[in-house]
């Protein structure tokens, strides 16, 4: 669970950096990286939800 939360924190940081670069500088490659990370965030959040429910049942 702890690893999952750390991974999510890193993914959010990566997304934020790339999204800001796209917005501020118009960097298209940064936008593409941000979109890719957003898909990884979605998968990680689904996994977090699953693990969180399992942990709460213990």
N, C-alpha and C. Protein backbone atom coordinates (compact mmCIF):
# COMPACT_ATOMS: atom_id res chain seq x y z
N UNK A 1 0.84 -1.19 0.00
CA UNK A 1 0.00 0.00 0.00
C UNK A 1 0.88 1.25 0.00
N UNK A 2 1.94 1.22 0.83
CA UNK A 2 2.83 2.37 0.92
C UNK A 2 3.51 2.64 -0.43
N UNK A 3 3.95 1.56 -1.09
CA UNK A 3 4.58 1.70 -2.40
C UNK A 3 3.62 2.30 -3.42
N UNK A 4 2.37 1.90 -3.34
CA UNK A 4 1.36 2.41 -4.24
C UNK A 4 1.17 3.92 -4.06
N UNK A 5 1.12 4.37 -2.82
CA UNK A 5 0.96 5.80 -2.54
C UNK A 5 2.18 6.58 -3.01
N UNK A 6 3.37 6.02 -2.79
CA UNK A 6 4.60 6.69 -3.25
C UNK A 6 4.62 6.78 -4.77
N UNK A 7 4.20 5.72 -5.43
CA UNK A 7 4.14 5.72 -6.89
C UNK A 7 3.16 6.78 -7.39
N UNK A 8 2.01 6.87 -6.76
CA UNK A 8 1.02 7.89 -7.15
C UNK A 8 1.58 9.30 -6.96
N UNK A 9 2.27 9.52 -5.87
CA UNK A 9 2.86 10.84 -5.62
C UNK A 9 3.85 11.20 -6.72
N UNK A 10 4.67 10.24 -7.13
CA UNK A 10 5.64 10.48 -8.20
C UNK A 10 4.94 10.75 -9.53
N UNK A 11 3.90 9.97 -9.80
CA UNK A 11 3.16 10.17 -11.05
C UNK A 11 2.51 11.55 -11.09
N UNK A 12 1.92 11.98 -9.97
CA UNK A 12 1.31 13.31 -9.92
C UNK A 12 2.35 14.40 -10.13
N UNK A 13 3.54 14.23 -9.54
CA UNK A 13 4.61 15.21 -9.71
C UNK A 13 5.05 15.28 -11.18
N UNK A 14 5.20 14.12 -11.80
CA UNK A 14 5.58 14.08 -13.22
C UNK A 14 4.53 14.74 -14.09
N UNK A 15 3.27 14.43 -13.81
CA UNK A 15 2.17 15.02 -14.58
C UNK A 15 2.17 16.54 -14.43
N UNK A 16 2.29 17.00 -13.21
CA UNK A 16 2.25 18.43 -12.95
C UNK A 16 3.37 19.16 -13.69
N UNK A 17 4.58 18.60 -13.64
CA UNK A 17 5.73 19.21 -14.31
C UNK A 17 5.49 19.31 -15.81
N UNK A 18 5.07 18.21 -16.43
CA UNK A 18 4.88 18.20 -17.88
C UNK A 18 3.69 19.06 -18.30
N UNK A 19 2.60 19.00 -17.55
CA UNK A 19 1.43 19.81 -17.89
C UNK A 19 1.76 21.30 -17.80
N UNK A 20 2.49 21.70 -16.77
CA UNK A 20 2.87 23.11 -16.65
C UNK A 20 3.79 23.54 -17.77
N UNK A 21 4.71 22.67 -18.17
CA UNK A 21 5.60 22.99 -19.29
C UNK A 21 4.81 23.19 -20.57
N UNK A 22 3.80 22.38 -20.78
CA UNK A 22 2.96 22.53 -21.96
C UNK A 22 2.20 23.86 -21.92
N UNK A 23 1.61 24.16 -20.78
CA UNK A 23 0.79 25.36 -20.66
C UNK A 23 1.65 26.62 -20.77
N UNK A 24 2.75 26.64 -20.05
CA UNK A 24 3.58 27.85 -19.98
C UNK A 24 4.42 28.07 -21.24
N UNK A 25 4.95 26.99 -21.82
CA UNK A 25 5.88 27.14 -22.94
C UNK A 25 5.33 26.64 -24.26
N UNK A 26 4.16 26.04 -24.23
CA UNK A 26 3.58 25.50 -25.45
C UNK A 26 4.33 24.29 -25.97
N UNK A 27 5.00 23.57 -25.09
CA UNK A 27 5.82 22.41 -25.46
C UNK A 27 4.90 21.22 -25.75
N UNK A 28 4.81 20.84 -27.02
CA UNK A 28 3.91 19.76 -27.41
C UNK A 28 4.35 18.40 -26.86
N UNK A 29 5.66 18.16 -26.82
CA UNK A 29 6.17 16.89 -26.30
C UNK A 29 5.82 16.73 -24.82
N UNK A 30 5.87 17.82 -24.07
CA UNK A 30 5.50 17.77 -22.65
C UNK A 30 4.03 17.43 -22.51
N UNK A 31 3.21 17.94 -23.40
CA UNK A 31 1.79 17.61 -23.38
C UNK A 31 1.55 16.13 -23.63
N UNK A 32 2.31 15.58 -24.56
CA UNK A 32 2.19 14.15 -24.84
C UNK A 32 2.61 13.33 -23.64
N UNK A 33 3.70 13.74 -22.97
CA UNK A 33 4.14 13.02 -21.77
C UNK A 33 3.10 13.12 -20.67
N UNK A 34 2.49 14.30 -20.51
CA UNK A 34 1.46 14.50 -19.48
C UNK A 34 0.26 13.59 -19.74
N UNK A 35 -0.13 13.47 -21.00
CA UNK A 35 -1.27 12.59 -21.33
C UNK A 35 -0.94 11.14 -21.04
N UNK A 36 0.29 10.73 -21.34
CA UNK A 36 0.70 9.36 -21.07
C UNK A 36 0.69 9.09 -19.56
N UNK A 37 1.21 10.02 -18.78
CA UNK A 37 1.24 9.86 -17.33
C UNK A 37 -0.18 9.84 -16.77
N UNK A 38 -1.09 10.61 -17.38
CA UNK A 38 -2.47 10.62 -16.88
C UNK A 38 -3.11 9.24 -16.99
N UNK A 39 -2.75 8.48 -18.02
CA UNK A 39 -3.26 7.11 -18.15
C UNK A 39 -2.67 6.21 -17.07
N UNK A 40 -1.39 6.41 -16.76
CA UNK A 40 -0.75 5.64 -15.70
C UNK A 40 -1.37 5.98 -14.34
N UNK A 41 -1.70 7.25 -14.14
CA UNK A 41 -2.35 7.67 -12.89
C UNK A 41 -3.69 6.98 -12.75
N UNK A 42 -4.44 6.93 -13.84
CA UNK A 42 -5.75 6.28 -13.81
C UNK A 42 -5.64 4.82 -13.38
N UNK A 43 -4.68 4.10 -13.96
CA UNK A 43 -4.48 2.69 -13.60
C UNK A 43 -4.06 2.55 -12.14
N UNK A 44 -3.16 3.43 -11.69
CA UNK A 44 -2.68 3.37 -10.31
C UNK A 44 -3.80 3.68 -9.32
N UNK A 45 -4.67 4.62 -9.66
CA UNK A 45 -5.79 4.95 -8.78
C UNK A 45 -6.78 3.78 -8.67
N UNK A 46 -6.99 3.09 -9.78
CA UNK A 46 -7.88 1.92 -9.73
C UNK A 46 -7.28 0.84 -8.84
N UNK A 47 -5.97 0.65 -8.95
CA UNK A 47 -5.28 -0.33 -8.11
C UNK A 47 -5.35 0.10 -6.64
N UNK A 48 -5.18 1.41 -6.38
CA UNK A 48 -5.26 1.91 -5.01
C UNK A 48 -6.64 1.64 -4.43
N UNK A 49 -7.68 1.89 -5.22
CA UNK A 49 -9.04 1.65 -4.77
C UNK A 49 -9.24 0.19 -4.39
N UNK A 50 -8.73 -0.70 -5.23
CA UNK A 50 -8.86 -2.13 -5.00
C UNK A 50 -8.14 -2.54 -3.70
N UNK A 51 -6.89 -2.10 -3.55
CA UNK A 51 -6.09 -2.45 -2.37
C UNK A 51 -6.69 -1.82 -1.12
N UNK A 52 -7.17 -0.61 -1.24
CA UNK A 52 -7.75 0.09 -0.09
C UNK A 52 -8.98 -0.65 0.44
N UNK A 53 -9.80 -1.12 -0.45
CA UNK A 53 -11.00 -1.87 -0.05
C UNK A 53 -10.60 -3.16 0.64
N UNK A 54 -9.59 -3.85 0.09
CA UNK A 54 -9.13 -5.10 0.70
C UNK A 54 -8.57 -4.84 2.10
N UNK A 55 -7.82 -3.76 2.27
CA UNK A 55 -7.24 -3.41 3.56
C UNK A 55 -8.32 -3.07 4.58
N UNK A 56 -9.38 -2.41 4.14
CA UNK A 56 -10.42 -2.01 5.08
C UNK A 56 -11.24 -3.21 5.58
N UNK A 57 -11.19 -4.32 4.85
CA UNK A 57 -11.95 -5.51 5.24
C UNK A 57 -11.21 -6.34 6.29
N UNK A 58 -9.95 -6.02 6.52
CA UNK A 58 -9.16 -6.80 7.49
C UNK A 58 -9.51 -6.45 8.91
